[in-house]
Amino acid sequence: MKFGERIKKLRTQKGLTLDQLAQETASSKSYIWELENKNPPRPSAEKLSSIASALGVTVDYLIGADTQTLSDAEDTAFFRQYSGLPEETRRQIREMARILDTKPRK
């Protein structure tokens, strides 16, 4: 899948319009449209990072630089965000994960 196709697919899966993604990434609607539809796109590293963050994936996944699955990319992006949270918030998230874990305990 090409770079622009990935952006569009992720954007639509998250229910974001071009305007909404543009706003979240401090871009214009036309710039996001160009990234999705022009070949080859040439975004800056800063824009790539901003778009990947807004879409909840890694830059590597977005540009197709590795064989990471979407789920793995989302987990990596989540962990990076999680790592930057205050300790008390991380503790609460860990507790929620334990509560949501429905696997039988041995």
C-alpha atoms as a PDB file:
ATOM      1  CA  MET A   1       0.000   0.000   0.000  1.00  0.00           C
ATOM      2  CA  LYS A   2       1.313   3.448  -0.913  1.00  0.00           C
ATOM      3  CA  PHE A   3       1.917   6.252   1.579  1.00  0.00           C
ATOM      4  CA  GLY A   4      -1.107   8.307   0.512  1.00  0.00           C
ATOM      5  CA  GLU A   5      -3.359   5.267   0.576  1.00  0.00           C
ATOM      6  CA  ARG A   6      -2.274   4.516   4.144  1.00  0.00           C
ATOM      7  CA  ILE A   7      -3.058   8.042   5.290  1.00  0.00           C
ATOM      8  CA  LYS A   8      -6.480   7.995   3.648  1.00  0.00           C
ATOM      9  CA  LYS A   9      -7.346   4.536   4.971  1.00  0.00           C
ATOM     10  CA  LEU A  10      -6.301   5.389   8.537  1.00  0.00           C
ATOM     11  CA  ARG A  11      -8.025   8.770   8.372  1.00  0.00           C
ATOM     12  CA  THR A  12     -11.317   7.269   7.210  1.00  0.00           C
ATOM     13  CA  GLN A  13     -11.092   4.379   9.710  1.00  0.00           C
ATOM     14  CA  LYS A  14     -10.808   6.947  12.482  1.00  0.00           C
ATOM     15  CA  GLY A  15     -13.758   8.875  11.028  1.00  0.00           C
ATOM     16  CA  LEU A  16     -11.699  11.995  10.347  1.00  0.00           C
ATOM     17  CA  THR A  17     -12.380  14.358   7.484  1.00  0.00           C
ATOM     18  CA  LEU A  18      -9.595  16.024   5.532  1.00  0.00           C
ATOM     19  CA  ASP A  19     -10.364  19.210   7.475  1.00  0.00           C
ATOM     20  CA  GLN A  20     -10.144  17.467  10.838  1.00  0.00           C
ATOM     21  CA  LEU A  21      -6.810  15.789  10.087  1.00  0.00           C
ATOM     22  CA  ALA A  22      -5.483  19.049   8.700  1.00  0.00           C
ATOM     23  CA  GLN A  23      -6.515  20.854  11.860  1.00  0.00           C
ATOM     24  CA  GLU A  24      -4.957  18.201  14.134  1.00  0.00           C
ATOM     25  CA  THR A  25      -1.660  18.430  12.246  1.00  0.00           C
ATOM     26  CA  ALA A  26      -1.517  22.201  11.704  1.00  0.00           C
ATOM     27  CA  SER A  27      -1.811  21.632   7.957  1.00  0.00           C
ATOM     28  CA  SER A  28      -4.187  22.752   5.261  1.00  0.00           C
ATOM     29  CA  LYS A  29      -6.938  20.565   3.827  1.00  0.00           C
ATOM     30  CA  SER A  30      -5.307  20.828   0.393  1.00  0.00           C
ATOM     31  CA  TYR A  31      -1.949  19.676   1.800  1.00  0.00           C
ATOM     32  CA  ILE A  32      -3.506  16.543   3.322  1.00  0.00           C
ATOM     33  CA  TRP A  33      -5.365  15.915   0.056  1.00  0.00           C
ATOM     34  CA  GLU A  34      -2.073  16.192  -1.863  1.00  0.00           C
ATOM     35  CA  LEU A  35      -0.388  13.723   0.482  1.00  0.00           C
ATOM     36  CA  GLU A  36      -3.217  11.265  -0.085  1.00  0.00           C
ATOM     37  CA  ASN A  37      -3.415  11.708  -3.849  1.00  0.00           C
ATOM     38  CA  LYS A  38      -0.121  12.984  -5.328  1.00  0.00           C
ATOM     39  CA  ASN A  39       2.796  10.744  -6.109  1.00  0.00           C
ATOM     40  CA  PRO A  40       5.418  10.955  -4.727  1.00  0.00           C
ATOM     41  CA  PRO A  41       4.533  13.005  -1.647  1.00  0.00           C
ATOM     42  CA  ARG A  42       7.350  14.911   0.036  1.00  0.00           C
ATOM     43  CA  PRO A  43       6.281  15.757   3.590  1.00  0.00           C
ATOM     44  CA  SER A  44       8.781  17.039   6.129  1.00  0.00           C
ATOM     45  CA  ALA A  45       9.831  14.832   9.035  1.00  0.00           C
ATOM     46  CA  GLU A  46       7.879  17.133  11.342  1.00  0.00           C
ATOM     47  CA  LYS A  47       4.676  16.710   9.284  1.00  0.00           C
ATOM     48  CA  LEU A  48       5.182  12.941   9.089  1.00  0.00           C
ATOM     49  CA  SER A  49       5.504  12.773  12.846  1.00  0.00           C
ATOM     50  CA  SER A  50       2.452  14.977  13.359  1.00  0.00           C
ATOM     51  CA  ILE A  51       0.299  12.941  10.957  1.00  0.00           C
ATOM     52  CA  ALA A  52       1.435   9.612  12.409  1.00  0.00           C
ATOM     53  CA  SER A  53       0.643  10.873  15.909  1.00  0.00           C
ATOM     54  CA  ALA A  54      -2.808  12.119  14.875  1.00  0.00           C
ATOM     55  CA  LEU A  55      -3.542   8.754  13.254  1.00  0.00           C
ATOM     56  CA  GLY A  56      -2.158   6.759  16.207  1.00  0.00           C
ATOM     57  CA  VAL A  57       0.590   4.909  14.324  1.00  0.00           C
ATOM     58  CA  THR A  58       4.358   5.105  13.875  1.00  0.00           C
ATOM     59  CA  VAL A  59       6.073   7.035  11.095  1.00  0.00           C
ATOM     60  CA  ASP A  60       7.638   3.771   9.914  1.00  0.00           C
ATOM     61  CA  TYR A  61       4.202   2.224   9.464  1.00  0.00           C
ATOM     62  CA  LEU A  62       2.893   5.312   7.726  1.00  0.00           C
ATOM     63  CA  ILE A  63       5.659   5.347   5.123  1.00  0.00           C
ATOM     64  CA  GLY A  64       5.769   1.558   4.800  1.00  0.00           C
ATOM     65  CA  ALA A  65       9.422   1.370   5.873  1.00  0.00           C
ATOM     66  CA  ASP A  66       8.959  -1.873   7.767  1.00  0.00           C
ATOM     67  CA  THR A  67       6.716  -4.898   7.870  1.00  0.00           C
ATOM     68  CA  GLN A  68       4.927  -3.767  11.019  1.00  0.00           C
ATOM     69  CA  THR A  69       1.227  -4.574  11.155  1.00  0.00           C
ATOM     70  CA  LEU A  70      -1.274  -1.826  11.844  1.00  0.00           C
ATOM     71  CA  SER A  71      -1.939  -3.318  15.271  1.00  0.00           C
ATOM     72  CA  ASP A  72       1.788  -3.327  16.113  1.00  0.00           C
ATOM     73  CA  ALA A  73       2.147   0.266  14.901  1.00  0.00           C
ATOM     74  CA  GLU A  74      -0.806   1.370  17.038  1.00  0.00           C
ATOM     75  CA  ASP A  75       0.670  -0.419  20.070  1.00  0.00           C
ATOM     76  CA  THR A  76       4.057   1.225  19.541  1.00  0.00           C
ATOM     77  CA  ALA A  77       2.474   4.660  19.145  1.00  0.00           C
ATOM     78  CA  PHE A  78       0.347   4.065  22.256  1.00  0.00           C
ATOM     79  CA  PHE A  79       3.368   3.001  24.296  1.00  0.00           C
ATOM     80  CA  ARG A  80       5.276   6.121  23.265  1.00  0.00           C
ATOM     81  CA  GLN A  81       2.339   8.250  24.375  1.00  0.00           C
ATOM     82  CA  TYR A  82       1.940   6.197  27.561  1.00  0.00           C
ATOM     83  CA  SER A  83       5.627   6.632  28.405  1.00  0.00           C
ATOM     84  CA  GLY A  84       5.209  10.409  28.449  1.00  0.00           C
ATOM     85  CA  LEU A  85       2.303  10.376  30.899  1.00  0.00           C
ATOM     86  CA  PRO A  86       2.670  11.193  34.605  1.00  0.00           C
ATOM     87  CA  GLU A  87       3.395   8.188  36.845  1.00  0.00           C
ATOM     88  CA  GLU A  88      -0.028   8.301  38.510  1.00  0.00           C
ATOM     89  CA  THR A  89      -1.783   8.186  35.130  1.00  0.00           C
ATOM     90  CA  ARG A  90       0.394   5.243  34.025  1.00  0.00           C
ATOM     91  CA  ARG A  91      -0.468   3.440  37.294  1.00  0.00           C
ATOM     92  CA  GLN A  92      -4.192   3.970  36.631  1.00  0.00           C
ATOM     93  CA  ILE A  93      -3.855   2.647  33.075  1.00  0.00           C
ATOM     94  CA  ARG A  94      -1.996  -0.445  34.317  1.00  0.00           C
ATOM     95  CA  GLU A  95      -4.769  -1.048  36.847  1.00  0.00           C
ATOM     96  CA  MET A  96      -7.432  -0.678  34.126  1.00  0.00           C
ATOM     97  CA  ALA A  97      -5.528  -3.183  31.978  1.00  0.00           C
ATOM     98  CA  ARG A  98      -5.510  -5.684  34.864  1.00  0.00           C
ATOM     99  CA  ILE A  99      -9.271  -5.201  35.319  1.00  0.00           C
ATOM    100  CA  LEU A 100      -9.930  -5.631  31.578  1.00  0.00           C
ATOM    101  CA  ASP A 101      -7.747  -8.729  31.297  1.00  0.00           C
ATOM    102  CA  THR A 102     -10.332 -11.503  31.072  1.00  0.00           C
ATOM    103  CA  LYS A 103      -7.926 -14.412  30.718  1.00  0.00           C
ATOM    104  CA  PRO A 104      -8.419 -17.123  33.330  1.00  0.00           C
ATOM    105  CA  ARG A 105      -5.811 -16.918  36.077  1.00  0.00           C
ATOM    106  CA  LYS A 106      -3.764 -19.971  36.995  1.00  0.00           C
END
